[in-house]
C-alpha atoms as a PDB file:
ATOM      1  CA  MET A   1      34.379 -45.368 -86.745  1.00  0.00           C
ATOM      2  CA  LEU A   2      37.647 -44.414 -85.075  1.00  0.00           C
ATOM      3  CA  GLN A   3      38.712 -40.817 -84.496  1.00  0.00           C
ATOM      4  CA  ILE A   4      42.412 -40.150 -83.894  1.00  0.00           C
ATOM      5  CA  ILE A   5      43.158 -36.645 -82.612  1.00  0.00           C
ATOM      6  CA  PRO A   6      46.788 -35.636 -81.966  1.00  0.00           C
ATOM      7  CA  ASP A   7      47.473 -32.934 -79.357  1.00  0.00           C
ATOM      8  CA  ALA A   8      43.843 -33.193 -78.262  1.00  0.00           C
ATOM      9  CA  SER A   9      42.097 -30.832 -75.878  1.00  0.00           C
ATOM     10  CA  LEU A  10      40.472 -32.622 -72.926  1.00  0.00           C
ATOM     11  CA  ARG A  11      38.441 -29.637 -71.712  1.00  0.00           C
ATOM     12  CA  GLN A  12      35.134 -31.142 -72.863  1.00  0.00           C
ATOM     13  CA  LEU A  13      36.078 -34.574 -71.531  1.00  0.00           C
ATOM     14  CA  ASN A  14      36.347 -33.778 -67.816  1.00  0.00           C
ATOM     15  CA  THR A  15      33.619 -32.364 -65.595  1.00  0.00           C
ATOM     16  CA  PHE A  16      35.945 -29.792 -64.046  1.00  0.00           C
ATOM     17  CA  GLY A  17      36.326 -28.296 -67.530  1.00  0.00           C
ATOM     18  CA  ILE A  18      40.095 -28.048 -67.108  1.00  0.00           C
ATOM     19  CA  GLU A  19      42.072 -27.245 -70.227  1.00  0.00           C
ATOM     20  CA  ALA A  20      44.555 -30.103 -70.469  1.00  0.00           C
ATOM     21  CA  ARG A  21      45.877 -31.745 -73.596  1.00  0.00           C
ATOM     22  CA  ALA A  22      46.744 -35.334 -74.462  1.00  0.00           C
ATOM     23  CA  LYS A  23      49.473 -36.469 -76.824  1.00  0.00           C
ATOM     24  CA  VAL A  24      46.773 -38.281 -78.775  1.00  0.00           C
ATOM     25  CA  LEU A  25      43.089 -39.045 -78.248  1.00  0.00           C
ATOM     26  CA  PHE A  26      41.335 -42.108 -79.668  1.00  0.00           C
ATOM     27  CA  ILE A  27      37.519 -42.037 -79.753  1.00  0.00           C
ATOM     28  CA  TYR A  28      35.901 -45.351 -80.710  1.00  0.00           C
ATOM     29  CA  ASP A  29      32.265 -46.326 -81.229  1.00  0.00           C
ATOM     30  CA  SER A  30      32.409 -50.114 -81.600  1.00  0.00           C
ATOM     31  CA  GLU A  31      34.452 -53.146 -80.594  1.00  0.00           C
ATOM     32  CA  GLU A  32      35.985 -53.116 -84.063  1.00  0.00           C
ATOM     33  CA  SER A  33      37.147 -49.503 -83.824  1.00  0.00           C
ATOM     34  CA  LEU A  34      38.472 -50.164 -80.302  1.00  0.00           C
ATOM     35  CA  LEU A  35      40.582 -53.019 -81.669  1.00  0.00           C
ATOM     36  CA  GLU A  36      41.771 -50.713 -84.452  1.00  0.00           C
ATOM     37  CA  ALA A  37      42.729 -48.133 -81.831  1.00  0.00           C
ATOM     38  CA  LEU A  38      44.642 -50.729 -79.814  1.00  0.00           C
ATOM     39  CA  THR A  39      46.587 -51.761 -82.917  1.00  0.00           C
ATOM     40  CA  HIS A  40      47.626 -48.122 -83.476  1.00  0.00           C
ATOM     41  CA  ILE A  41      48.546 -47.716 -79.824  1.00  0.00           C
ATOM     42  CA  HIS A  42      50.651 -50.886 -79.648  1.00  0.00           C
ATOM     43  CA  THR A  43      52.533 -50.107 -82.856  1.00  0.00           C
ATOM     44  CA  THR A  44      52.996 -46.341 -82.561  1.00  0.00           C
ATOM     45  CA  TYR A  45      52.469 -45.272 -78.958  1.00  0.00           C
ATOM     46  CA  ALA A  46      53.537 -48.312 -76.945  1.00  0.00           C
ATOM     47  CA  GLN A  47      56.013 -46.241 -74.935  1.00  0.00           C
ATOM     48  CA  LEU A  48      53.338 -43.833 -73.687  1.00  0.00           C
ATOM     49  CA  PRO A  49      50.992 -44.290 -70.703  1.00  0.00           C
ATOM     50  CA  LEU A  50      47.370 -45.115 -71.519  1.00  0.00           C
ATOM     51  CA  LEU A  51      44.300 -43.592 -69.876  1.00  0.00           C
ATOM     52  CA  HIS A  52      40.773 -44.836 -70.599  1.00  0.00           C
ATOM     53  CA  ILE A  53      38.075 -42.341 -69.607  1.00  0.00           C
ATOM     54  CA  GLY A  54      34.293 -42.191 -69.387  1.00  0.00           C
ATOM     55  CA  ASP A  55      32.563 -38.875 -68.718  1.00  0.00           C
ATOM     56  CA  GLY A  56      35.617 -37.600 -66.841  1.00  0.00           C
ATOM     57  CA  SER A  57      33.898 -37.000 -63.496  1.00  0.00           C
ATOM     58  CA  ASN A  58      36.718 -38.737 -61.596  1.00  0.00           C
ATOM     59  CA  LEU A  59      39.489 -36.771 -63.288  1.00  0.00           C
ATOM     60  CA  LEU A  60      41.410 -33.739 -62.089  1.00  0.00           C
ATOM     61  CA  PHE A  61      44.181 -32.749 -64.481  1.00  0.00           C
ATOM     62  CA  LEU A  62      47.037 -30.724 -63.000  1.00  0.00           C
ATOM     63  CA  ASN A  63      48.968 -30.561 -66.272  1.00  0.00           C
ATOM     64  CA  ASP A  64      48.775 -31.865 -69.811  1.00  0.00           C
ATOM     65  CA  TYR A  65      48.556 -35.651 -70.048  1.00  0.00           C
ATOM     66  CA  GLU A  66      51.725 -36.912 -71.667  1.00  0.00           C
ATOM     67  CA  GLY A  67      50.120 -40.051 -72.968  1.00  0.00           C
ATOM     68  CA  VAL A  68      47.293 -41.695 -74.913  1.00  0.00           C
ATOM     69  CA  VAL A  69      43.630 -41.209 -73.987  1.00  0.00           C
ATOM     70  CA  LEU A  70      40.924 -43.689 -75.001  1.00  0.00           C
ATOM     71  CA  LYS A  71      37.296 -42.567 -75.023  1.00  0.00           C
ATOM     72  CA  SER A  72      34.286 -44.831 -75.594  1.00  0.00           C
ATOM     73  CA  GLN A  73      31.284 -43.816 -77.646  1.00  0.00           C
ATOM     74  CA  ILE A  74      29.808 -47.298 -77.948  1.00  0.00           C
ATOM     75  CA  LYS A  75      26.053 -46.769 -78.079  1.00  0.00           C
ATOM     76  CA  GLY A  76      23.053 -49.026 -78.267  1.00  0.00           C
ATOM     77  CA  ILE A  77      20.230 -50.360 -76.107  1.00  0.00           C
ATOM     78  CA  ASN A  78      19.137 -53.899 -76.974  1.00  0.00           C
ATOM     79  CA  ILE A  79      16.716 -56.284 -75.300  1.00  0.00           C
ATOM     80  CA  ILE A  80      18.427 -59.643 -74.735  1.00  0.00           C
ATOM     81  CA  ARG A  81      15.525 -61.560 -73.228  1.00  0.00           C
ATOM     82  CA  GLU A  82      12.591 -61.079 -70.903  1.00  0.00           C
ATOM     83  CA  THR A  83      10.260 -62.894 -68.543  1.00  0.00           C
ATOM     84  CA  ASP A  84       6.862 -61.943 -67.178  1.00  0.00           C
ATOM     85  CA  ASP A  85       8.521 -59.904 -64.416  1.00  0.00           C
ATOM     86  CA  GLU A  86      11.977 -58.915 -65.694  1.00  0.00           C
ATOM     87  CA  ILE A  87      13.721 -57.648 -68.792  1.00  0.00           C
ATOM     88  CA  PHE A  88      17.415 -58.035 -69.634  1.00  0.00           C
ATOM     89  CA  VAL A  89      18.827 -55.094 -71.568  1.00  0.00           C
ATOM     90  CA  GLU A  90      22.346 -54.776 -73.002  1.00  0.00           C
ATOM     91  CA  VAL A  91      23.606 -51.182 -73.076  1.00  0.00           C
ATOM     92  CA  GLY A  92      26.671 -49.751 -74.794  1.00  0.00           C
ATOM     93  CA  ALA A  93      29.383 -48.563 -72.401  1.00  0.00           C
ATOM     94  CA  GLY A  94      29.402 -45.120 -74.017  1.00  0.00           C
ATOM     95  CA  GLU A  95      25.762 -44.407 -73.240  1.00  0.00           C
ATOM     96  CA  THR A  96      25.143 -41.774 -70.564  1.00  0.00           C
ATOM     97  CA  CYS A  97      23.857 -43.412 -67.402  1.00  0.00           C
ATOM     98  CA  ASP A  98      21.250 -40.763 -66.582  1.00  0.00           C
ATOM     99  CA  GLU A  99      19.888 -40.754 -70.121  1.00  0.00           C
ATOM    100  CA  PHE A 100      19.514 -44.522 -70.008  1.00  0.00           C
ATOM    101  CA  ILE A 101      17.673 -44.337 -66.684  1.00  0.00           C
ATOM    102  CA  ASP A 102      15.228 -41.842 -68.175  1.00  0.00           C
ATOM    103  CA  TYR A 103      14.784 -44.023 -71.266  1.00  0.00           C
ATOM    104  CA  ALA A 104      14.258 -47.143 -69.158  1.00  0.00           C
ATOM    105  CA  ILE A 105      11.517 -45.498 -67.126  1.00  0.00           C
ATOM    106  CA  GLN A 106       9.692 -44.453 -70.298  1.00  0.00           C
ATOM    107  CA  GLN A 107       9.875 -48.069 -71.486  1.00  0.00           C
ATOM    108  CA  GLY A 108       8.514 -49.402 -68.194  1.00  0.00           C
ATOM    109  CA  TRP A 109      11.822 -50.840 -66.983  1.00  0.00           C
ATOM    110  CA  TYR A 110      12.557 -50.141 -63.342  1.00  0.00           C
ATOM    111  CA  GLY A 111      15.246 -50.429 -60.685  1.00  0.00           C
ATOM    112  CA  MET A 112      17.696 -47.581 -61.371  1.00  0.00           C
ATOM    113  CA  GLU A 113      15.599 -44.532 -60.473  1.00  0.00           C
ATOM    114  CA  ASN A 114      17.635 -43.712 -57.337  1.00  0.00           C
ATOM    115  CA  LEU A 115      20.784 -43.387 -59.475  1.00  0.00           C
ATOM    116  CA  SER A 116      19.358 -40.501 -61.499  1.00  0.00           C
ATOM    117  CA  LEU A 117      21.651 -37.585 -62.399  1.00  0.00           C
ATOM    118  CA  ILE A 118      24.894 -39.303 -61.360  1.00  0.00           C
ATOM    119  CA  PRO A 119      27.480 -38.122 -63.920  1.00  0.00           C
ATOM    120  CA  SER A 120      28.739 -41.321 -65.526  1.00  0.00           C
ATOM    121  CA  GLN A 121      28.835 -43.390 -68.640  1.00  0.00           C
ATOM    122  CA  ILE A 122      27.416 -46.903 -68.410  1.00  0.00           C
ATOM    123  CA  GLY A 123      30.846 -48.548 -68.581  1.00  0.00           C
ATOM    124  CA  ALA A 124      32.276 -46.378 -65.821  1.00  0.00           C
ATOM    125  CA  ALA A 125      29.195 -47.034 -63.685  1.00  0.00           C
ATOM    126  CA  ALA A 126      29.941 -50.770 -63.819  1.00  0.00           C
ATOM    127  CA  VAL A 127      33.583 -50.179 -62.897  1.00  0.00           C
ATOM    128  CA  GLN A 128      32.868 -47.802 -60.014  1.00  0.00           C
ATOM    129  CA  ASN A 129      29.687 -49.535 -58.808  1.00  0.00           C
ATOM    130  CA  ILE A 130      27.990 -46.168 -58.536  1.00  0.00           C
ATOM    131  CA  GLY A 131      25.349 -45.825 -55.883  1.00  0.00           C
ATOM    132  CA  ALA A 132      22.997 -43.326 -54.297  1.00  0.00           C
ATOM    133  CA  TYR A 133      19.980 -43.193 -52.004  1.00  0.00           C
ATOM    134  CA  GLY A 134      20.046 -46.857 -51.056  1.00  0.00           C
ATOM    135  CA  VAL A 135      20.696 -48.347 -54.503  1.00  0.00           C
ATOM    136  CA  GLU A 136      23.930 -49.538 -56.146  1.00  0.00           C
ATOM    137  CA  VAL A 137      24.215 -50.263 -59.840  1.00  0.00           C
ATOM    138  CA  CYS A 138      25.410 -53.799 -59.039  1.00  0.00           C
ATOM    139  CA  ASP A 139      21.872 -54.467 -57.772  1.00  0.00           C
ATOM    140  CA  VAL A 140      20.673 -54.535 -61.378  1.00  0.00           C
ATOM    141  CA  ILE A 141      23.773 -55.680 -63.305  1.00  0.00           C
ATOM    142  CA  GLU A 142      23.549 -59.116 -64.917  1.00  0.00           C
ATOM    143  CA  GLU A 143      26.717 -59.164 -67.034  1.00  0.00           C
ATOM    144  CA  VAL A 144      29.666 -56.978 -68.016  1.00  0.00           C
ATOM    145  CA  LYS A 145      31.598 -57.347 -71.280  1.00  0.00           C
ATOM    146  CA  GLY A 146      35.023 -55.933 -72.040  1.00  0.00           C
ATOM    147  CA  ILE A 147      38.094 -56.133 -74.243  1.00  0.00           C
ATOM    148  CA  CYS A 148      41.608 -56.665 -72.912  1.00  0.00           C
ATOM    149  CA  LEU A 149      43.774 -53.642 -73.684  1.00  0.00           C
ATOM    150  CA  ALA A 150      46.878 -55.833 -73.993  1.00  0.00           C
ATOM    151  CA  ASP A 151      45.754 -58.537 -76.430  1.00  0.00           C
ATOM    152  CA  GLY A 152      42.323 -57.424 -77.685  1.00  0.00           C
ATOM    153  CA  LYS A 153      40.533 -60.532 -76.439  1.00  0.00           C
ATOM    154  CA  GLU A 154      36.894 -60.258 -75.407  1.00  0.00           C
ATOM    155  CA  HIS A 155      35.760 -61.321 -71.962  1.00  0.00           C
ATOM    156  CA  ALA A 156      32.451 -61.454 -70.115  1.00  0.00           C
ATOM    157  CA  TRP A 157      31.827 -61.412 -66.373  1.00  0.00           C
ATOM    158  CA  GLN A 158      28.642 -62.417 -64.627  1.00  0.00           C
ATOM    159  CA  ALA A 159      27.713 -60.010 -61.844  1.00  0.00           C
ATOM    160  CA  LYS A 160      28.806 -62.514 -59.180  1.00  0.00           C
ATOM    161  CA  ASP A 161      32.303 -62.552 -60.692  1.00  0.00           C
ATOM    162  CA  CYS A 162      32.692 -58.749 -60.614  1.00  0.00           C
ATOM    163  CA  ARG A 163      33.376 -58.750 -56.841  1.00  0.00           C
ATOM    164  CA  TYR A 164      31.102 -55.835 -56.266  1.00  0.00           C
ATOM    165  CA  GLY A 165      31.238 -54.039 -52.948  1.00  0.00           C
ATOM    166  CA  TYR A 166      30.714 -50.527 -51.673  1.00  0.00           C
ATOM    167  CA  ARG A 167      32.142 -48.439 -54.560  1.00  0.00           C
ATOM    168  CA  GLU A 168      34.354 -51.397 -55.423  1.00  0.00           C
ATOM    169  CA  SER A 169      34.673 -53.986 -58.176  1.00  0.00           C
ATOM    170  CA  ILE A 170      37.213 -56.326 -59.710  1.00  0.00           C
ATOM    171  CA  PHE A 171      37.755 -53.640 -62.369  1.00  0.00           C
ATOM    172  CA  LYS A 172      39.075 -51.245 -59.704  1.00  0.00           C
ATOM    173  CA  GLU A 173      41.362 -53.868 -58.193  1.00  0.00           C
ATOM    174  CA  GLU A 174      43.181 -56.660 -60.019  1.00  0.00           C
ATOM    175  CA  LEU A 175      41.769 -55.734 -63.449  1.00  0.00           C
ATOM    176  CA  TRP A 176      42.395 -51.988 -63.066  1.00  0.00           C
ATOM    177  CA  CYS A 177      43.413 -50.450 -66.410  1.00  0.00           C
ATOM    178  CA  ARG A 178      43.484 -53.880 -68.051  1.00  0.00           C
ATOM    179  CA  TYR A 179      40.096 -53.890 -69.797  1.00  0.00           C
ATOM    180  CA  ALA A 180      37.856 -51.482 -71.667  1.00  0.00           C
ATOM    181  CA  ILE A 181      34.222 -52.161 -70.796  1.00  0.00           C
ATOM    182  CA  THR A 182      32.141 -52.396 -73.976  1.00  0.00           C
ATOM    183  CA  HIS A 183      28.646 -53.419 -72.818  1.00  0.00           C
ATOM    184  CA  VAL A 184      26.679 -53.904 -69.624  1.00  0.00           C
ATOM    185  CA  THR A 185      23.556 -56.054 -69.366  1.00  0.00           C
ATOM    186  CA  PHE A 186      20.995 -54.916 -66.811  1.00  0.00           C
ATOM    187  CA  ARG A 187      18.250 -56.974 -65.184  1.00  0.00           C
ATOM    188  CA  LEU A 188      15.344 -54.580 -64.722  1.00  0.00           C
ATOM    189  CA  ASN A 189      11.859 -55.030 -63.315  1.00  0.00           C
ATOM    190  CA  LYS A 190       8.620 -54.596 -65.222  1.00  0.00           C
ATOM    191  CA  ILE A 191       6.788 -53.688 -62.023  1.00  0.00           C
ATOM    192  CA  PHE A 192       7.822 -50.481 -60.258  1.00  0.00           C
ATOM    193  CA  THR A 193       8.729 -51.036 -56.614  1.00  0.00           C
ATOM    194  CA  PRO A 194      10.270 -47.857 -55.168  1.00  0.00           C
ATOM    195  CA  LYS A 195      13.253 -48.204 -52.846  1.00  0.00           C
ATOM    196  CA  LEU A 196      12.698 -45.589 -50.165  1.00  0.00           C
ATOM    197  CA  GLN A 197      14.711 -46.912 -47.227  1.00  0.00           C
ATOM    198  CA  TYR A 198      17.384 -44.218 -47.490  1.00  0.00           C
ATOM    199  CA  GLY A 199      17.054 -41.677 -44.683  1.00  0.00           C
ATOM    200  CA  GLY A 200      15.151 -38.550 -45.641  1.00  0.00           C
ATOM    201  CA  LEU A 201      13.840 -39.871 -48.956  1.00  0.00           C
ATOM    202  CA  VAL A 202      10.267 -40.384 -47.772  1.00  0.00           C
ATOM    203  CA  ARG A 203      10.315 -36.885 -46.262  1.00  0.00           C
ATOM    204  CA  ALA A 204      11.520 -35.418 -49.568  1.00  0.00           C
ATOM    205  CA  ILE A 205       8.673 -37.189 -51.348  1.00  0.00           C
ATOM    206  CA  GLU A 206       6.143 -35.766 -48.906  1.00  0.00           C
ATOM    207  CA  ASP A 207       7.686 -32.284 -49.184  1.00  0.00           C
ATOM    208  CA  ALA A 208       7.155 -32.519 -52.947  1.00  0.00           C
ATOM    209  CA  GLY A 209       3.450 -33.065 -52.326  1.00  0.00           C
ATOM    210  CA  LEU A 210       3.592 -36.703 -53.406  1.00  0.00           C
ATOM    211  CA  SER A 211       2.285 -39.875 -51.812  1.00  0.00           C
ATOM    212  CA  GLU A 212       4.448 -42.907 -51.158  1.00  0.00           C
ATOM    213  CA  LYS A 213       1.479 -45.141 -52.008  1.00  0.00           C
ATOM    214  CA  THR A 214       0.849 -43.665 -55.473  1.00  0.00           C
ATOM    215  CA  LEU A 215       4.437 -42.682 -56.323  1.00  0.00           C
ATOM    216  CA  THR A 216       5.482 -43.285 -59.934  1.00  0.00           C
ATOM    217  CA  ALA A 217       8.985 -43.980 -61.223  1.00  0.00           C
ATOM    218  CA  ASN A 218       9.082 -40.600 -62.976  1.00  0.00           C
ATOM    219  CA  GLU A 219       8.089 -38.850 -59.761  1.00  0.00           C
ATOM    220  CA  LEU A 220      10.781 -40.661 -57.774  1.00  0.00           C
ATOM    221  CA  ARG A 221      13.361 -39.806 -60.435  1.00  0.00           C
ATOM    222  CA  ASN A 222      12.404 -36.124 -60.258  1.00  0.00           C
ATOM    223  CA  VAL A 223      12.631 -36.124 -56.454  1.00  0.00           C
ATOM    224  CA  ILE A 224      16.119 -37.651 -56.649  1.00  0.00           C
ATOM    225  CA  ILE A 225      17.172 -35.101 -59.278  1.00  0.00           C
ATOM    226  CA  ASN A 226      15.906 -32.209 -57.176  1.00  0.00           C
ATOM    227  CA  ILE A 227      17.766 -33.467 -54.102  1.00  0.00           C
ATOM    228  CA  ARG A 228      21.001 -33.782 -56.060  1.00  0.00           C
ATOM    229  CA  ARG A 229      20.614 -30.317 -57.579  1.00  0.00           C
ATOM    230  CA  THR A 230      20.246 -28.750 -54.126  1.00  0.00           C
ATOM    231  CA  LYS A 231      23.528 -30.356 -53.070  1.00  0.00           C
ATOM    232  CA  LEU A 232      25.694 -30.029 -56.173  1.00  0.00           C
ATOM    233  CA  PRO A 233      25.953 -27.498 -59.010  1.00  0.00           C
ATOM    234  CA  ASP A 234      25.528 -28.512 -62.630  1.00  0.00           C
ATOM    235  CA  PRO A 235      29.057 -29.397 -63.911  1.00  0.00           C
ATOM    236  CA  ALA A 236      28.191 -27.595 -67.153  1.00  0.00           C
ATOM    237  CA  GLU A 237      27.841 -24.354 -65.176  1.00  0.00           C
ATOM    238  CA  GLN A 238      30.396 -24.875 -62.404  1.00  0.00           C
ATOM    239  CA  GLY A 239      33.069 -27.532 -62.767  1.00  0.00           C
ATOM    240  CA  ASN A 240      32.938 -30.278 -60.153  1.00  0.00           C
ATOM    241  CA  ALA A 241      33.363 -34.023 -59.718  1.00  0.00           C
ATOM    242  CA  GLY A 242      29.923 -34.741 -58.335  1.00  0.00           C
ATOM    243  CA  SER A 243      29.630 -36.642 -55.077  1.00  0.00           C
ATOM    244  CA  PHE A 244      32.728 -38.803 -54.768  1.00  0.00           C
ATOM    245  CA  PHE A 245      33.077 -39.400 -51.023  1.00  0.00           C
ATOM    246  CA  LYS A 246      32.773 -42.810 -49.362  1.00  0.00           C
ATOM    247  CA  ASN A 247      30.952 -43.241 -46.086  1.00  0.00           C
ATOM    248  CA  PRO A 248      33.225 -44.693 -43.391  1.00  0.00           C
ATOM    249  CA  ILE A 249      32.732 -48.365 -42.611  1.00  0.00           C
ATOM    250  CA  VAL A 250      33.149 -49.328 -38.958  1.00  0.00           C
ATOM    251  CA  PRO A 251      32.247 -52.401 -36.878  1.00  0.00           C
ATOM    252  CA  ALA A 252      28.633 -52.520 -35.707  1.00  0.00           C
ATOM    253  CA  SER A 253      29.814 -52.382 -32.100  1.00  0.00           C
ATOM    254  CA  LYS A 254      31.523 -49.045 -32.727  1.00  0.00           C
ATOM    255  CA  ALA A 255      28.568 -47.620 -34.655  1.00  0.00           C
ATOM    256  CA  GLU A 256      26.220 -48.512 -31.813  1.00  0.00           C
ATOM    257  CA  ALA A 257      28.516 -47.201 -29.059  1.00  0.00           C
END
């Protein structure tokens, strides 16, 4: 289903809660409705700039957006294949990242616990290569699928082709604004192995009265959520963009000096 909303309010589509308006908003929930949206855009709004958004946590509107906004609501969580140790799960780009992490834990699929409570849709997470507390989403990405905004052709990238780096990907560089991500396939573990190397994480676990040796995925997720809530307000209560800084990268010789 495709929703077309002229003169659309974007207040609910950015985490700052800023009242800005778009010339027209297209909300799609499938590849087919995305292609339908692109046909409308190319025939009626070709002269206007195009902005594709996720949960809007990287947006700060200063004025109304004099262009077209695309918003994904592609849902779905489907098992592609599995082995004795791993499971490969394809997730719609419009799913909320934190909700999927919670769902995965309940299913016994592990590897994303440290990314809990990051405000992002699944598609945006693959573009941004979100990361927190010693884990990046690229660590568990197997494949990314998308549709070219210019010609509507589908494309798939294996993780090795996404050029992932620290908060970087091919989608933020040469493919920026050229594709709409539709699905991401994750490679998750069936055995929970907590990643606790990040400084202060073990201490936070101990402060919560938990043991590193008996820690469960749900317990680790709750520790991560509590840490994040002490550092950042809930965007629903106080508008913010979450944690968006990048740690500086310097040569080892300088870091050790």
